[in-house]
Amino acid sequence: MHLEQGYVHIYTGDGKGKTTAATGLTVRAVGAGLKVAVLHFLKNKFSSEDRVLKKLKSVRVWKFGAPGWVLGAGRAVDLTEARRGLRFLERVLRSGEFDCVVADEVCVAVKLGLISESELLRCLAARPKKVELVLTGRGATPALKRRADLVSVLKPEKHYFAQGVPARRGIEF
């Protein structure tokens, strides 16, 4: 099944749930017979949803990140991985193989200066109109938001992290 028209979604903001929302959309798309590509920017560690997504025949998952947390644009390996991810994103979009593409944490890669906003916007412009594209991550720029067809901003109102609760397997990762 192919979409007649695909749209660009952005899930951004400081609240929890951006990757979770994109994962939910991935599962929904697969349930409708769509093929999905998931590209994780700034991540190379296993996350619990990977176990399920990799079992789904119509989902492919790739990671473009170095070991450890990316805290800024200082490490050359983070820059290399982000740029490799952007080139791969463009190839996946142009391939026509996938109905839906998720670029998880790509907005953070832009915010940190690992890839430029203009490079990502050019990639979006080259996207075939039938491909649904989901961008996630804190700090989506105003230009990216203007280009998107759907923008959801997750805002924290209350979070147990403020009480010192660490990230938990199966809930936060």
Protein backbone atom coordinates (compact mmCIF):
# COMPACT_ATOMS: atom_id res chain seq x y z
CA MET A 1 0.00 0.00 0.00
CA HIS A 2 1.27 3.48 -0.85
CA LEU A 3 0.04 6.85 0.32
CA GLU A 4 -1.28 9.23 -2.31
CA GLN A 5 -0.02 12.21 -0.30
CA GLY A 6 2.48 12.21 2.51
CA TYR A 7 2.87 14.95 5.08
CA VAL A 8 5.67 16.23 7.28
CA HIS A 9 5.16 15.86 11.03
CA ILE A 10 7.26 17.40 13.79
CA TYR A 11 7.12 16.20 17.40
CA THR A 12 9.15 18.66 19.48
CA GLY A 13 9.23 20.39 22.86
CA ASP A 14 10.70 19.71 26.28
CA GLY A 15 8.09 17.14 27.28
CA LYS A 16 8.40 13.35 27.31
CA GLY A 17 6.93 11.39 24.43
CA LYS A 18 8.38 12.57 21.12
CA THR A 19 10.07 9.30 20.18
CA THR A 20 7.18 7.39 21.76
CA ALA A 21 4.70 9.22 19.50
CA ALA A 22 6.81 8.47 16.43
CA THR A 23 7.05 4.82 17.45
CA GLY A 24 3.28 4.66 17.88
CA LEU A 25 2.80 6.13 14.41
CA THR A 26 5.27 3.54 13.08
CA VAL A 27 3.22 0.70 14.56
CA ARG A 28 0.00 2.20 13.20
CA ALA A 29 1.53 2.56 9.72
CA VAL A 30 2.71 -1.05 9.73
CA GLY A 31 -0.77 -2.16 10.80
CA ALA A 32 -2.13 -0.39 7.71
CA GLY A 33 0.33 -2.17 5.42
CA LEU A 34 2.89 0.63 5.03
CA LYS A 35 6.67 0.17 4.93
CA VAL A 36 8.55 2.31 7.46
CA ALA A 37 12.16 3.41 7.83
CA VAL A 38 13.30 4.60 11.26
CA LEU A 39 16.55 6.56 11.48
CA HIS A 40 17.77 7.34 14.99
CA PHE A 41 20.05 10.39 15.05
CA LEU A 42 22.43 10.87 18.02
CA LYS A 43 21.67 7.37 19.30
CA ASN A 44 23.58 4.15 18.99
CA LYS A 45 22.46 2.35 22.12
CA PHE A 46 19.69 -0.20 22.22
CA SER A 47 16.29 1.09 23.23
CA SER A 48 13.42 -1.18 24.23
CA GLU A 49 11.27 -0.29 21.21
CA ASP A 50 14.08 -1.55 18.94
CA ARG A 51 13.37 -5.12 20.02
CA VAL A 52 9.80 -4.90 18.70
CA LEU A 53 10.46 -2.76 15.61
CA LYS A 54 13.21 -5.09 14.39
CA LYS A 55 10.73 -8.00 14.47
CA LEU A 56 8.37 -6.23 12.09
CA LYS A 57 9.14 -7.21 8.50
CA SER A 58 7.98 -3.89 7.07
CA VAL A 59 10.17 -1.75 9.38
CA ARG A 60 13.89 -1.07 8.99
CA VAL A 61 15.86 0.64 11.78
CA TRP A 62 19.21 2.44 11.52
CA LYS A 63 21.23 4.32 14.14
CA PHE A 64 23.49 7.30 13.50
CA GLY A 65 25.20 8.07 16.75
CA ALA A 66 28.40 7.49 18.65
CA PRO A 67 28.69 5.88 22.08
CA GLY A 68 27.74 8.12 24.98
CA TRP A 69 25.53 11.15 25.31
CA VAL A 70 25.77 14.00 22.83
CA LEU A 71 25.97 17.11 24.99
CA GLY A 72 27.07 19.54 22.32
CA ALA A 73 28.64 19.86 18.91
CA GLY A 74 32.18 19.34 20.22
CA ARG A 75 32.98 15.75 19.21
CA ALA A 76 34.02 15.07 15.63
CA VAL A 77 32.41 11.62 15.78
CA ASP A 78 29.00 13.18 16.54
CA LEU A 79 29.35 15.49 13.55
CA THR A 80 30.39 12.60 11.32
CA GLU A 81 27.50 10.40 12.44
CA ALA A 82 24.90 13.17 12.07
CA ARG A 83 26.08 14.01 8.56
CA ARG A 84 26.12 10.32 7.64
CA GLY A 85 22.54 10.10 8.93
CA LEU A 86 21.44 13.09 6.87
CA ARG A 87 22.92 11.63 3.67
CA PHE A 88 21.24 8.32 4.44
CA LEU A 89 17.92 10.09 5.14
CA GLU A 90 18.03 11.71 1.73
CA ARG A 91 18.77 8.36 0.03
CA VAL A 92 15.95 6.62 1.92
CA LEU A 93 13.48 9.38 1.03
CA ARG A 94 14.41 9.29 -2.65
CA SER A 95 14.47 5.48 -2.85
CA GLY A 96 10.71 5.10 -2.99
CA GLU A 97 11.07 1.95 -0.89
CA PHE A 98 9.32 3.37 2.19
CA ASP A 99 5.90 4.94 2.66
CA CYS A 100 6.82 6.51 5.99
CA VAL A 101 10.20 7.70 7.27
CA VAL A 102 10.96 8.66 10.88
CA ALA A 103 14.01 10.84 11.55
CA ASP A 104 14.19 10.55 15.33
CA GLU A 105 16.12 13.32 17.16
CA VAL A 106 17.04 15.05 13.90
CA CYS A 107 15.79 18.38 15.32
CA VAL A 108 18.37 18.06 18.12
CA ALA A 109 21.11 17.43 15.54
CA VAL A 110 20.13 20.73 13.92
CA LYS A 111 19.91 22.53 17.27
CA LEU A 112 23.44 21.37 18.14
CA GLY A 113 24.80 22.46 14.77
CA LEU A 114 25.71 18.92 13.71
CA ILE A 115 23.65 19.38 10.55
CA SER A 116 22.39 22.67 9.23
CA GLU A 117 18.77 23.70 9.09
CA SER A 118 19.18 24.49 5.39
CA GLU A 119 20.56 20.99 4.69
CA LEU A 120 17.56 19.39 6.39
CA LEU A 121 15.13 21.72 4.59
CA ARG A 122 16.72 20.76 1.24
CA CYS A 123 16.29 17.11 2.18
CA LEU A 124 12.60 17.76 2.94
CA ALA A 125 12.17 19.54 -0.39
CA ALA A 126 13.59 16.51 -2.24
CA ARG A 127 11.12 14.16 -0.51
CA PRO A 128 8.67 12.50 -2.89
CA LYS A 129 5.22 13.87 -2.09
CA LYS A 130 3.83 10.40 -1.28
CA VAL A 131 6.29 9.82 1.59
CA GLU A 132 5.11 10.59 5.12
CA LEU A 133 8.00 12.06 7.11
CA VAL A 134 8.25 12.38 10.89
CA LEU A 135 10.92 14.55 12.52
CA THR A 136 11.42 14.43 16.28
CA GLY A 137 13.53 16.17 18.87
CA ARG A 138 13.69 19.19 21.12
CA GLY A 139 14.30 22.57 19.62
CA ALA A 140 12.67 22.33 16.20
CA THR A 141 13.49 25.61 14.47
CA PRO A 142 10.83 28.08 13.34
CA ALA A 143 11.71 27.37 9.67
CA LEU A 144 11.26 23.61 10.17
CA LYS A 145 7.94 24.23 11.91
CA ARG A 146 6.75 26.44 9.04
CA ARG A 147 7.67 23.73 6.53
CA ALA A 148 5.86 20.98 8.46
CA ASP A 149 2.22 20.10 7.89
CA LEU A 150 1.74 19.01 11.51
CA VAL A 151 3.60 20.26 14.58
CA SER A 152 3.02 18.82 18.04
CA VAL A 153 4.84 20.52 20.91
CA LEU A 154 5.12 18.38 24.02
CA LYS A 155 5.31 20.52 27.12
CA PRO A 156 6.06 19.13 30.56
CA GLU A 157 3.61 20.07 33.24
CA LYS A 158 4.80 17.58 35.82
CA HIS A 159 7.51 14.92 35.62
CA TYR A 160 8.98 12.50 38.17
CA PHE A 161 12.49 13.30 36.88
CA ALA A 162 12.20 16.47 38.99
CA GLN A 163 12.01 14.19 42.05
CA GLY A 164 15.24 12.43 41.03
CA VAL A 165 13.70 9.37 39.37
CA PRO A 166 16.16 8.13 36.71
CA ALA A 167 15.16 6.99 33.23
CA ARG A 168 13.58 3.52 33.40
CA ARG A 169 13.91 0.69 30.88
CA GLY A 170 10.63 0.09 29.13
CA ILE A 171 9.26 3.53 30.01
CA GLU A 172 11.89 6.13 29.02
CA PHE A 173 14.12 3.86 26.94
